[in-house]
Amino acid sequence: MFIRTERLFLRPGWPEDMGELVEVLDEDAVRRSIGISALPRSAVALREYISRPRDPLLPHFFINLRDDAGARLIGGIGLGRYGKDVELGYWIAQRHRGLGYATEAVRAVLAEARMLGHREIVALHFADNEASARVLQTSGFKPTGETRARLSIGRGAEAQARLYVATLADKLFDLLGVGPQSAAQAA
C-alpha cells in the first residue's frame, strides 16, 4: 500500500532503507519521541521489523519527502493495536520538524484508516511534546484529558503521555479533506 500527498510519499519499509533509517533513528530527538518499542535499535532487529508481515488493516509507512533529488526518508507513521483501540503513531526526523510534514502524513493515514473501515483512532504524545499535540489537534484529534504512563525508548523510563481520539465519522474530517475523496490518491 502506498500513499502520495502533495509533498510526501508514504510506503512500506524496504531493506534498502536501512542506512537512512539507522541514521535518522540515531537522533536523540527522535528516540525521545518514540513510545514503547515501536522500532528496534539493532540493525538485525530493524531488518526483521521492516520485513515482518503486516496486518493489512494496520498499515505502517515510511514517510519520504518527494523532491528533485528523489525521495528521502524523513519519518515513519502507522496504525497498531493499543489494547482494544487502533492507535496512530508517528515520528519525524528533527531537521524536518515544524514544516507541516507530520500533519500532512497524519491526515493521509487518517484518510486511509477511514477507507479501511476504522471509525475511531487514538494517539498519544509525551506530555512535554507540545509540537505533537499541535499536529494531532490540527489533524482533527481531540484531547480526552486522560494521561497514561508510557515507556519512552530515548528516556529509558516511563513518561506521562496524553491521550487523544479522532472519530473518523465526524464531519470535521470531511472539512479537513480526510475522507474517501481525499484518499483517492492512495494507490
N, C-alpha and C. Protein backbone atom coordinates (compact mmCIF):
# COMPACT_ATOMS: atom_id res chain seq x y z
N MET A 1 0.84 -1.17 0.00
CA MET A 1 0.00 0.00 0.00
C MET A 1 0.90 1.24 0.00
N PHE A 2 0.57 2.18 -0.85
CA PHE A 2 1.32 3.42 -0.98
C PHE A 2 0.36 4.60 -0.92
N ILE A 3 0.82 5.72 -0.38
CA ILE A 3 0.02 6.94 -0.35
C ILE A 3 0.91 8.08 -0.82
N ARG A 4 0.37 8.87 -1.74
CA ARG A 4 1.09 10.04 -2.22
C ARG A 4 0.31 11.28 -1.80
N THR A 5 1.00 12.26 -1.23
CA THR A 5 0.39 13.53 -0.87
C THR A 5 1.08 14.62 -1.69
N GLU A 6 0.75 15.85 -1.39
CA GLU A 6 1.35 16.96 -2.14
C GLU A 6 2.87 16.93 -2.10
N ARG A 7 3.44 16.65 -0.91
CA ARG A 7 4.90 16.70 -0.77
C ARG A 7 5.53 15.39 -0.35
N LEU A 8 4.71 14.41 0.01
CA LEU A 8 5.24 13.19 0.62
C LEU A 8 4.84 11.94 -0.17
N PHE A 9 5.63 10.90 0.05
CA PHE A 9 5.33 9.57 -0.47
C PHE A 9 5.43 8.63 0.72
N LEU A 10 4.31 8.01 1.09
CA LEU A 10 4.27 7.07 2.21
C LEU A 10 4.25 5.67 1.63
N ARG A 11 5.18 4.85 2.09
CA ARG A 11 5.29 3.49 1.57
C ARG A 11 5.84 2.57 2.64
N PRO A 12 5.66 1.26 2.46
CA PRO A 12 6.25 0.31 3.41
C PRO A 12 7.77 0.42 3.41
N GLY A 13 8.38 -0.04 4.47
CA GLY A 13 9.84 -0.05 4.54
C GLY A 13 10.42 -1.15 3.68
N TRP A 14 11.59 -0.89 3.14
CA TRP A 14 12.32 -1.85 2.33
C TRP A 14 13.71 -2.04 2.93
N PRO A 15 14.33 -3.20 2.72
CA PRO A 15 15.69 -3.42 3.25
C PRO A 15 16.67 -2.32 2.82
N GLU A 16 16.45 -1.75 1.65
CA GLU A 16 17.34 -0.69 1.15
C GLU A 16 17.26 0.59 2.00
N ASP A 17 16.26 0.68 2.87
CA ASP A 17 16.09 1.86 3.73
C ASP A 17 16.99 1.82 4.96
N MET A 18 17.67 0.71 5.19
CA MET A 18 18.41 0.51 6.43
C MET A 18 19.38 1.65 6.75
N GLY A 19 20.18 2.07 5.80
CA GLY A 19 21.17 3.11 6.05
C GLY A 19 20.52 4.40 6.51
N GLU A 20 19.53 4.88 5.77
CA GLU A 20 18.83 6.11 6.15
C GLU A 20 18.10 5.94 7.47
N LEU A 21 17.48 4.79 7.68
CA LEU A 21 16.72 4.54 8.89
C LEU A 21 17.60 4.58 10.13
N VAL A 22 18.74 3.90 10.07
CA VAL A 22 19.66 3.89 11.21
C VAL A 22 20.13 5.31 11.51
N GLU A 23 20.43 6.08 10.48
CA GLU A 23 20.89 7.46 10.66
C GLU A 23 19.82 8.32 11.34
N VAL A 24 18.59 8.23 10.86
CA VAL A 24 17.50 9.05 11.42
C VAL A 24 17.17 8.61 12.84
N LEU A 25 17.14 7.30 13.08
CA LEU A 25 16.80 6.81 14.42
C LEU A 25 17.89 7.07 15.44
N ASP A 26 19.06 7.45 14.99
CA ASP A 26 20.16 7.75 15.91
C ASP A 26 20.00 9.14 16.53
N GLU A 27 19.07 9.94 16.03
CA GLU A 27 18.84 11.28 16.57
C GLU A 27 18.17 11.18 17.94
N ASP A 28 18.72 11.88 18.92
CA ASP A 28 18.16 11.85 20.26
C ASP A 28 16.71 12.33 20.27
N ALA A 29 16.39 13.37 19.51
CA ALA A 29 15.03 13.91 19.49
C ALA A 29 14.03 12.88 18.98
N VAL A 30 14.44 12.05 18.03
CA VAL A 30 13.56 11.01 17.51
C VAL A 30 13.38 9.93 18.57
N ARG A 31 14.46 9.47 19.17
CA ARG A 31 14.38 8.42 20.19
C ARG A 31 13.51 8.85 21.36
N ARG A 32 13.61 10.12 21.76
CA ARG A 32 12.82 10.61 22.90
C ARG A 32 11.32 10.68 22.59
N SER A 33 10.98 10.77 21.31
CA SER A 33 9.57 10.92 20.96
C SER A 33 8.88 9.60 20.64
N ILE A 34 9.64 8.53 20.52
CA ILE A 34 9.06 7.23 20.18
C ILE A 34 8.69 6.50 21.46
N GLY A 35 7.45 6.01 21.50
CA GLY A 35 6.98 5.29 22.67
C GLY A 35 7.11 3.79 22.51
N ILE A 36 7.01 3.11 23.63
CA ILE A 36 7.10 1.66 23.73
C ILE A 36 8.33 1.18 22.97
N SER A 37 8.20 0.10 22.24
CA SER A 37 9.34 -0.40 21.47
C SER A 37 8.95 -0.42 20.00
N ALA A 38 8.38 0.70 19.56
CA ALA A 38 7.87 0.77 18.19
C ALA A 38 8.91 0.38 17.16
N LEU A 39 10.14 0.83 17.35
CA LEU A 39 11.20 0.50 16.41
C LEU A 39 12.39 -0.08 17.16
N PRO A 40 12.87 -1.22 16.73
CA PRO A 40 14.03 -1.83 17.37
C PRO A 40 15.30 -1.02 17.12
N ARG A 41 16.32 -1.28 17.91
CA ARG A 41 17.55 -0.48 17.84
C ARG A 41 18.66 -1.10 17.00
N SER A 42 18.81 -2.42 17.01
CA SER A 42 19.93 -3.02 16.29
C SER A 42 19.60 -3.16 14.81
N ALA A 43 20.64 -3.22 13.99
CA ALA A 43 20.45 -3.36 12.54
C ALA A 43 19.72 -4.65 12.20
N VAL A 44 20.05 -5.74 12.89
CA VAL A 44 19.39 -7.02 12.63
C VAL A 44 17.91 -6.92 12.98
N ALA A 45 17.60 -6.35 14.14
CA ALA A 45 16.21 -6.21 14.56
C ALA A 45 15.45 -5.25 13.64
N LEU A 46 16.11 -4.20 13.17
CA LEU A 46 15.46 -3.28 12.24
C LEU A 46 15.12 -3.98 10.93
N ARG A 47 16.05 -4.79 10.44
CA ARG A 47 15.81 -5.53 9.19
C ARG A 47 14.61 -6.47 9.37
N GLU A 48 14.54 -7.15 10.52
CA GLU A 48 13.40 -8.04 10.79
C GLU A 48 12.11 -7.24 10.87
N TYR A 49 12.17 -6.07 11.51
CA TYR A 49 10.99 -5.20 11.64
C TYR A 49 10.47 -4.79 10.26
N ILE A 50 11.37 -4.39 9.38
CA ILE A 50 10.99 -3.96 8.04
C ILE A 50 10.38 -5.11 7.25
N SER A 51 10.91 -6.31 7.42
CA SER A 51 10.48 -7.47 6.64
C SER A 51 9.25 -8.18 7.20
N ARG A 52 8.85 -7.82 8.41
CA ARG A 52 7.75 -8.52 9.08
C ARG A 52 6.42 -8.33 8.33
N PRO A 53 5.63 -9.40 8.18
CA PRO A 53 4.31 -9.25 7.57
C PRO A 53 3.44 -8.33 8.44
N ARG A 54 2.59 -7.55 7.80
CA ARG A 54 1.73 -6.60 8.50
C ARG A 54 0.26 -6.95 8.29
N ASP A 55 -0.53 -6.60 9.27
CA ASP A 55 -1.98 -6.70 9.15
C ASP A 55 -2.41 -5.64 8.13
N PRO A 56 -3.10 -6.00 7.07
CA PRO A 56 -3.47 -5.00 6.06
C PRO A 56 -4.39 -3.91 6.60
N LEU A 57 -5.04 -4.14 7.72
CA LEU A 57 -5.89 -3.12 8.33
C LEU A 57 -5.11 -2.20 9.26
N LEU A 58 -3.84 -2.52 9.49
CA LEU A 58 -2.98 -1.72 10.37
C LEU A 58 -1.67 -1.41 9.63
N PRO A 59 -1.75 -0.62 8.57
CA PRO A 59 -0.54 -0.37 7.77
C PRO A 59 0.49 0.50 8.47
N HIS A 60 1.74 0.28 8.11
CA HIS A 60 2.87 1.10 8.56
C HIS A 60 3.55 1.65 7.31
N PHE A 61 4.02 2.88 7.42
CA PHE A 61 4.67 3.52 6.28
C PHE A 61 5.94 4.24 6.71
N PHE A 62 6.89 4.32 5.82
CA PHE A 62 7.98 5.28 5.97
C PHE A 62 7.55 6.53 5.24
N ILE A 63 7.83 7.66 5.84
CA ILE A 63 7.48 8.96 5.26
C ILE A 63 8.69 9.43 4.46
N ASN A 64 8.49 9.60 3.17
CA ASN A 64 9.56 10.06 2.29
C ASN A 64 9.19 11.41 1.71
N LEU A 65 10.14 12.33 1.74
CA LEU A 65 9.97 13.65 1.15
C LEU A 65 10.26 13.55 -0.33
N ARG A 66 9.31 13.98 -1.14
CA ARG A 66 9.50 13.96 -2.60
C ARG A 66 10.09 15.30 -3.02
N ASP A 67 11.22 15.26 -3.71
CA ASP A 67 11.79 16.48 -4.26
C ASP A 67 12.61 16.13 -5.50
N ASP A 68 13.25 17.13 -6.07
CA ASP A 68 14.01 16.92 -7.31
C ASP A 68 15.16 15.92 -7.14
N ALA A 69 15.66 15.78 -5.91
CA ALA A 69 16.77 14.87 -5.65
C ALA A 69 16.29 13.43 -5.46
N GLY A 70 14.97 13.21 -5.48
CA GLY A 70 14.42 11.89 -5.23
C GLY A 70 13.74 11.86 -3.88
N ALA A 71 13.36 10.69 -3.44
CA ALA A 71 12.68 10.56 -2.15
C ALA A 71 13.71 10.37 -1.04
N ARG A 72 13.51 11.12 0.06
CA ARG A 72 14.38 10.99 1.23
C ARG A 72 13.54 10.59 2.43
N LEU A 73 14.00 9.60 3.19
CA LEU A 73 13.31 9.14 4.39
C LEU A 73 13.37 10.22 5.46
N ILE A 74 12.20 10.67 5.93
CA ILE A 74 12.17 11.70 6.97
C ILE A 74 11.37 11.27 8.19
N GLY A 75 10.72 10.10 8.15
CA GLY A 75 9.94 9.69 9.31
C GLY A 75 9.21 8.39 9.08
N GLY A 76 8.36 8.08 10.02
CA GLY A 76 7.55 6.88 9.95
C GLY A 76 6.18 7.13 10.55
N ILE A 77 5.20 6.36 10.13
CA ILE A 77 3.83 6.52 10.62
C ILE A 77 3.11 5.19 10.44
N GLY A 78 2.19 4.90 11.33
CA GLY A 78 1.44 3.66 11.17
C GLY A 78 0.34 3.51 12.18
N LEU A 79 -0.45 2.48 11.95
CA LEU A 79 -1.53 2.12 12.85
C LEU A 79 -1.15 0.83 13.55
N GLY A 80 -1.57 0.70 14.79
CA GLY A 80 -1.32 -0.51 15.55
C GLY A 80 -2.41 -0.70 16.59
N ARG A 81 -2.34 -1.79 17.28
CA ARG A 81 -3.30 -2.07 18.34
C ARG A 81 -2.78 -1.51 19.66
N TYR A 82 -3.65 -0.86 20.38
CA TYR A 82 -3.36 -0.36 21.72
C TYR A 82 -4.52 -0.83 22.58
N GLY A 83 -4.37 -2.03 23.15
CA GLY A 83 -5.50 -2.65 23.83
C GLY A 83 -6.57 -2.97 22.80
N LYS A 84 -7.77 -2.48 23.03
CA LYS A 84 -8.87 -2.70 22.08
C LYS A 84 -8.93 -1.61 21.01
N ASP A 85 -8.13 -0.58 21.16
CA ASP A 85 -8.16 0.56 20.25
C ASP A 85 -7.17 0.41 19.10
N VAL A 86 -7.43 1.18 18.04
CA VAL A 86 -6.47 1.33 16.95
C VAL A 86 -5.73 2.63 17.23
N GLU A 87 -4.41 2.55 17.29
CA GLU A 87 -3.59 3.70 17.64
C GLU A 87 -2.75 4.16 16.45
N LEU A 88 -2.66 5.48 16.30
CA LEU A 88 -1.78 6.10 15.31
C LEU A 88 -0.49 6.49 16.02
N GLY A 89 0.62 6.14 15.42
CA GLY A 89 1.92 6.57 15.92
C GLY A 89 2.74 7.12 14.77
N TYR A 90 3.59 8.10 15.06
CA TYR A 90 4.42 8.68 14.01
C TYR A 90 5.66 9.30 14.63
N TRP A 91 6.67 9.51 13.79
CA TRP A 91 7.88 10.23 14.19
C TRP A 91 8.44 10.93 12.96
N ILE A 92 9.11 12.03 13.19
CA ILE A 92 9.71 12.83 12.12
C ILE A 92 11.14 13.17 12.52
N ALA A 93 12.07 13.07 11.58
CA ALA A 93 13.46 13.46 11.84
C ALA A 93 13.49 14.92 12.29
N GLN A 94 14.37 15.22 13.22
CA GLN A 94 14.41 16.55 13.82
C GLN A 94 14.54 17.67 12.79
N ARG A 95 15.40 17.51 11.81
CA ARG A 95 15.62 18.60 10.85
C ARG A 95 14.43 18.84 9.93
N HIS A 96 13.43 17.96 9.98
CA HIS A 96 12.23 18.12 9.15
C HIS A 96 11.00 18.48 9.97
N ARG A 97 11.19 18.75 11.25
CA ARG A 97 10.07 19.13 12.11
C ARG A 97 9.70 20.59 11.91
N GLY A 98 8.44 20.89 12.18
CA GLY A 98 7.98 22.26 12.08
C GLY A 98 7.65 22.72 10.66
N LEU A 99 7.64 21.80 9.71
CA LEU A 99 7.40 22.15 8.31
C LEU A 99 6.06 21.61 7.79
N GLY A 100 5.27 21.03 8.67
CA GLY A 100 3.96 20.52 8.27
C GLY A 100 3.94 19.11 7.73
N TYR A 101 5.09 18.44 7.70
CA TYR A 101 5.14 17.08 7.16
C TYR A 101 4.36 16.09 8.03
N ALA A 102 4.48 16.22 9.35
CA ALA A 102 3.76 15.31 10.24
C ALA A 102 2.25 15.45 10.04
N THR A 103 1.77 16.68 10.00
CA THR A 103 0.33 16.91 9.80
C THR A 103 -0.12 16.33 8.46
N GLU A 104 0.65 16.54 7.43
CA GLU A 104 0.31 16.02 6.10
C GLU A 104 0.24 14.49 6.11
N ALA A 105 1.20 13.86 6.76
CA ALA A 105 1.22 12.40 6.84
C ALA A 105 0.08 11.87 7.70
N VAL A 106 -0.17 12.52 8.84
CA VAL A 106 -1.25 12.08 9.73
C VAL A 106 -2.59 12.14 8.99
N ARG A 107 -2.85 13.23 8.32
CA ARG A 107 -4.12 13.36 7.60
C ARG A 107 -4.25 12.29 6.51
N ALA A 108 -3.16 12.00 5.82
CA ALA A 108 -3.20 10.98 4.77
C ALA A 108 -3.50 9.60 5.35
N VAL A 109 -2.88 9.28 6.48
CA VAL A 109 -3.11 7.97 7.10
C VAL A 109 -4.52 7.90 7.70
N LEU A 110 -5.02 9.01 8.23
CA LEU A 110 -6.41 9.01 8.72
C LEU A 110 -7.39 8.77 7.58
N ALA A 111 -7.12 9.34 6.42
CA ALA A 111 -7.98 9.09 5.25
C ALA A 111 -7.95 7.61 4.88
N GLU A 112 -6.77 7.03 4.91
CA GLU A 112 -6.64 5.60 4.62
C GLU A 112 -7.36 4.77 5.68
N ALA A 113 -7.21 5.14 6.95
CA ALA A 113 -7.87 4.43 8.04
C ALA A 113 -9.39 4.47 7.87
N ARG A 114 -9.88 5.61 7.46
CA ARG A 114 -11.32 5.76 7.23
C ARG A 114 -11.77 4.83 6.10
N MET A 115 -10.99 4.77 5.04
CA MET A 115 -11.32 3.88 3.92
C MET A 115 -11.24 2.41 4.32
N LEU A 116 -10.36 2.08 5.26
CA LEU A 116 -10.21 0.70 5.73
C LEU A 116 -11.32 0.30 6.70
N GLY A 117 -12.19 1.27 7.05
CA GLY A 117 -13.33 0.95 7.91
C GLY A 117 -13.14 1.30 9.37
N HIS A 118 -12.03 1.88 9.74
CA HIS A 118 -11.84 2.29 11.13
C HIS A 118 -12.73 3.49 11.42
N ARG A 119 -13.35 3.48 12.58
CA ARG A 119 -14.25 4.57 12.97
C ARG A 119 -13.62 5.50 13.99
N GLU A 120 -12.67 4.97 14.75
CA GLU A 120 -12.05 5.78 15.80
C GLU A 120 -10.58 5.40 15.90
N ILE A 121 -9.74 6.41 16.04
CA ILE A 121 -8.30 6.22 16.16
C ILE A 121 -7.84 6.97 17.40
N VAL A 122 -6.98 6.36 18.19
CA VAL A 122 -6.40 7.05 19.34
C VAL A 122 -4.94 7.37 19.02
N ALA A 123 -4.41 8.34 19.73
CA ALA A 123 -2.99 8.71 19.61
C ALA A 123 -2.55 9.26 20.95
N LEU A 124 -1.30 9.04 21.27
CA LEU A 124 -0.71 9.58 22.49
C LEU A 124 0.52 10.39 22.13
N HIS A 125 0.80 11.39 22.94
CA HIS A 125 2.07 12.11 22.81
C HIS A 125 2.60 12.35 24.21
N PHE A 126 3.92 12.36 24.33
CA PHE A 126 4.51 12.63 25.63
C PHE A 126 4.15 14.05 26.05
N ALA A 127 3.88 14.22 27.34
CA ALA A 127 3.36 15.49 27.86
C ALA A 127 4.27 16.67 27.54
N ASP A 128 5.57 16.44 27.39
CA ASP A 128 6.49 17.54 27.11
C ASP A 128 6.66 17.80 25.61
N ASN A 129 5.87 17.14 24.78
CA ASN A 129 5.98 17.29 23.32
C ASN A 129 4.77 18.07 22.79
N GLU A 130 4.78 19.38 23.00
CA GLU A 130 3.66 20.22 22.57
C GLU A 130 3.53 20.29 21.05
N ALA A 131 4.62 20.11 20.33
CA ALA A 131 4.54 20.12 18.87
C ALA A 131 3.66 18.97 18.39
N SER A 132 3.79 17.81 19.02
CA SER A 132 2.96 16.67 18.64
C SER A 132 1.50 16.93 18.99
N ALA A 133 1.25 17.62 20.10
CA ALA A 133 -0.13 17.98 20.45
C ALA A 133 -0.74 18.84 19.35
N ARG A 134 0.03 19.79 18.84
CA ARG A 134 -0.47 20.66 17.76
C ARG A 134 -0.75 19.86 16.49
N VAL A 135 0.13 18.92 16.16
CA VAL A 135 -0.09 18.08 14.97
C VAL A 135 -1.40 17.32 15.12
N LEU A 136 -1.61 16.70 16.27
CA LEU A 136 -2.82 15.91 16.47
C LEU A 136 -4.06 16.78 16.42
N GLN A 137 -4.04 17.91 17.10
CA GLN A 137 -5.21 18.79 17.12
C GLN A 137 -5.49 19.37 15.73
N THR A 138 -4.46 19.76 15.02
CA THR A 138 -4.63 20.30 13.67
C THR A 138 -5.19 19.23 12.73
N SER A 139 -4.92 17.98 13.03
CA SER A 139 -5.37 16.87 12.19
C SER A 139 -6.75 16.34 12.60
N GLY A 140 -7.37 16.97 13.61
CA GLY A 140 -8.72 16.59 13.99
C GLY A 140 -8.86 15.75 15.23
N PHE A 141 -7.75 15.42 15.89
CA PHE A 141 -7.83 14.68 17.15
C PHE A 141 -8.29 15.62 18.26
N LYS A 142 -8.99 15.05 19.23
CA LYS A 142 -9.44 15.82 20.38
C LYS A 142 -8.82 15.23 21.64
N PRO A 143 -8.33 16.09 22.56
CA PRO A 143 -7.77 15.57 23.81
C PRO A 143 -8.87 14.95 24.67
N THR A 144 -8.56 13.84 25.30
CA THR A 144 -9.53 13.19 26.19
C THR A 144 -9.39 13.67 27.62
N GLY A 145 -8.27 14.32 27.93
CA GLY A 145 -7.99 14.71 29.31
C GLY A 145 -7.31 13.61 30.10
N GLU A 146 -7.15 12.46 29.50
CA GLU A 146 -6.54 11.31 30.17
C GLU A 146 -5.03 11.28 29.90
N THR A 147 -4.25 10.96 30.92
CA THR A 147 -2.82 10.74 30.74
C THR A 147 -2.50 9.31 31.15
N ARG A 148 -1.47 8.77 30.54
CA ARG A 148 -1.04 7.40 30.83
C ARG A 148 0.48 7.37 30.88
N ALA A 149 1.00 6.51 31.72
CA ALA A 149 2.45 6.29 31.74
C ALA A 149 2.79 5.45 30.52
N ARG A 150 3.82 5.88 29.79
CA ARG A 150 4.21 5.20 28.56
C ARG A 150 5.73 5.08 28.53
N LEU A 151 6.23 3.93 28.16
CA LEU A 151 7.67 3.73 28.07
C LEU A 151 8.23 4.59 26.94
N SER A 152 9.29 5.33 27.24
CA SER A 152 9.99 6.13 26.24
C SER A 152 11.36 5.50 26.03
N ILE A 153 11.62 5.07 24.82
CA ILE A 153 12.89 4.43 24.50
C ILE A 153 14.06 5.35 24.78
N GLY A 154 13.98 6.58 24.27
CA GLY A 154 15.09 7.52 24.40
C GLY A 154 15.33 7.99 25.82
N ARG A 155 14.29 7.99 26.65
CA ARG A 155 14.44 8.42 28.04
C ARG A 155 14.86 7.26 28.94
N GLY A 156 14.63 6.04 28.45
CA GLY A 156 14.96 4.86 29.23
C GLY A 156 14.06 4.68 30.43
N ALA A 157 12.87 5.29 30.41
CA ALA A 157 11.94 5.21 31.53
C ALA A 157 10.54 5.56 31.03
N GLU A 158 9.57 5.36 31.91
CA GLU A 158 8.22 5.77 31.58
C GLU A 158 8.09 7.28 31.71
N ALA A 159 7.21 7.84 30.90
CA ALA A 159 6.90 9.27 30.96
C ALA A 159 5.40 9.42 30.74
N GLN A 160 4.85 10.51 31.21
CA GLN A 160 3.42 10.75 31.05
C GLN A 160 3.10 11.08 29.59
N ALA A 161 2.04 10.47 29.09
CA ALA A 161 1.59 10.70 27.71
C ALA A 161 0.11 11.08 27.75
N ARG A 162 -0.25 12.03 26.90
CA ARG A 162 -1.63 12.49 26.81
C ARG A 162 -2.36 11.74 25.70
N LEU A 163 -3.59 11.35 26.01
CA LEU A 163 -4.40 10.56 25.08
C LEU A 163 -5.32 11.47 24.27
N TYR A 164 -5.37 11.22 22.96
CA TYR A 164 -6.25 11.94 22.03
C TYR A 164 -7.08 10.91 21.27
N VAL A 165 -8.22 11.35 20.75
CA VAL A 165 -9.07 10.47 19.96
C VAL A 165 -9.58 11.22 18.73
N ALA A 166 -9.66 10.50 17.63
CA ALA A 166 -10.24 11.02 16.39
C ALA A 166 -11.39 10.10 16.01
N THR A 167 -12.59 10.67 15.93
CA THR A 167 -13.76 9.93 15.48
C THR A 167 -13.92 10.21 13.99
N LEU A 168 -13.57 9.26 13.17
CA LEU A 168 -13.45 9.49 11.73
C LEU A 168 -14.78 9.73 11.04
N ALA A 169 -15.90 9.47 11.71
CA ALA A 169 -17.21 9.75 11.13
C ALA A 169 -17.59 11.22 11.29
N ASP A 170 -16.86 11.98 12.10
CA ASP A 170 -17.15 13.40 12.31
C ASP A 170 -17.05 14.16 11.00
N LYS A 171 -17.94 15.12 10.81
CA LYS A 171 -17.91 15.97 9.61
C LYS A 171 -16.60 16.75 9.52
N LEU A 172 -15.95 16.97 10.66
CA LEU A 172 -14.67 17.69 10.67
C LEU A 172 -13.69 17.06 9.68
N PHE A 173 -13.70 15.74 9.60
CA PHE A 173 -12.74 15.06 8.73
C PHE A 173 -13.05 15.28 7.25
N ASP A 174 -14.32 15.51 6.93
CA ASP A 174 -14.66 15.88 5.56
C ASP A 174 -14.07 17.26 5.25
N LEU A 175 -14.19 18.19 6.21
CA LEU A 175 -13.67 19.54 6.02
C LEU A 175 -12.15 19.56 5.93
N LEU A 176 -11.49 18.66 6.67
CA LEU A 176 -10.03 18.58 6.64
C LEU A 176 -9.52 17.85 5.40
N GLY A 177 -10.44 17.29 4.63
CA GLY A 177 -10.02 16.54 3.45
C GLY A 177 -9.62 15.12 3.79
N VAL A 178 -10.09 14.62 4.94
CA VAL A 178 -9.78 13.26 5.36
C VAL A 178 -11.01 12.41 5.08
N GLY A 179 -11.06 11.84 3.92
CA GLY A 179 -12.22 11.04 3.57
C GLY A 179 -12.00 10.35 2.24
N PRO A 180 -13.03 9.68 1.76
CA PRO A 180 -12.89 8.94 0.51
C PRO A 180 -12.41 9.79 -0.65
N GLN A 181 -12.88 11.04 -0.74
CA GLN A 181 -12.47 11.87 -1.85
C GLN A 181 -10.99 12.21 -1.78
N SER A 182 -10.44 12.47 -0.59
CA SER A 182 -9.03 12.82 -0.48
C SER A 182 -8.14 11.59 -0.55
N ALA A 183 -8.68 10.45 -0.21
CA ALA A 183 -7.87 9.23 -0.23
C ALA A 183 -7.78 8.63 -1.63
N ALA A 184 -8.40 9.29 -2.59
CA ALA A 184 -8.35 8.78 -3.96
C ALA A 184 -6.93 8.72 -4.49
N GLN A 185 -6.02 9.49 -3.87
CA GLN A 185 -4.63 9.46 -4.30
C GLN A 185 -3.91 8.22 -3.80
N ALA A 186 -4.50 7.53 -2.83
CA ALA A 186 -3.86 6.32 -2.30
C ALA A 186 -3.82 5.27 -3.40
N ALA A 187 -2.72 4.58 -3.48
CA ALA A 187 -2.58 3.56 -4.52
C ALA A 187 -2.55 2.19 -3.91
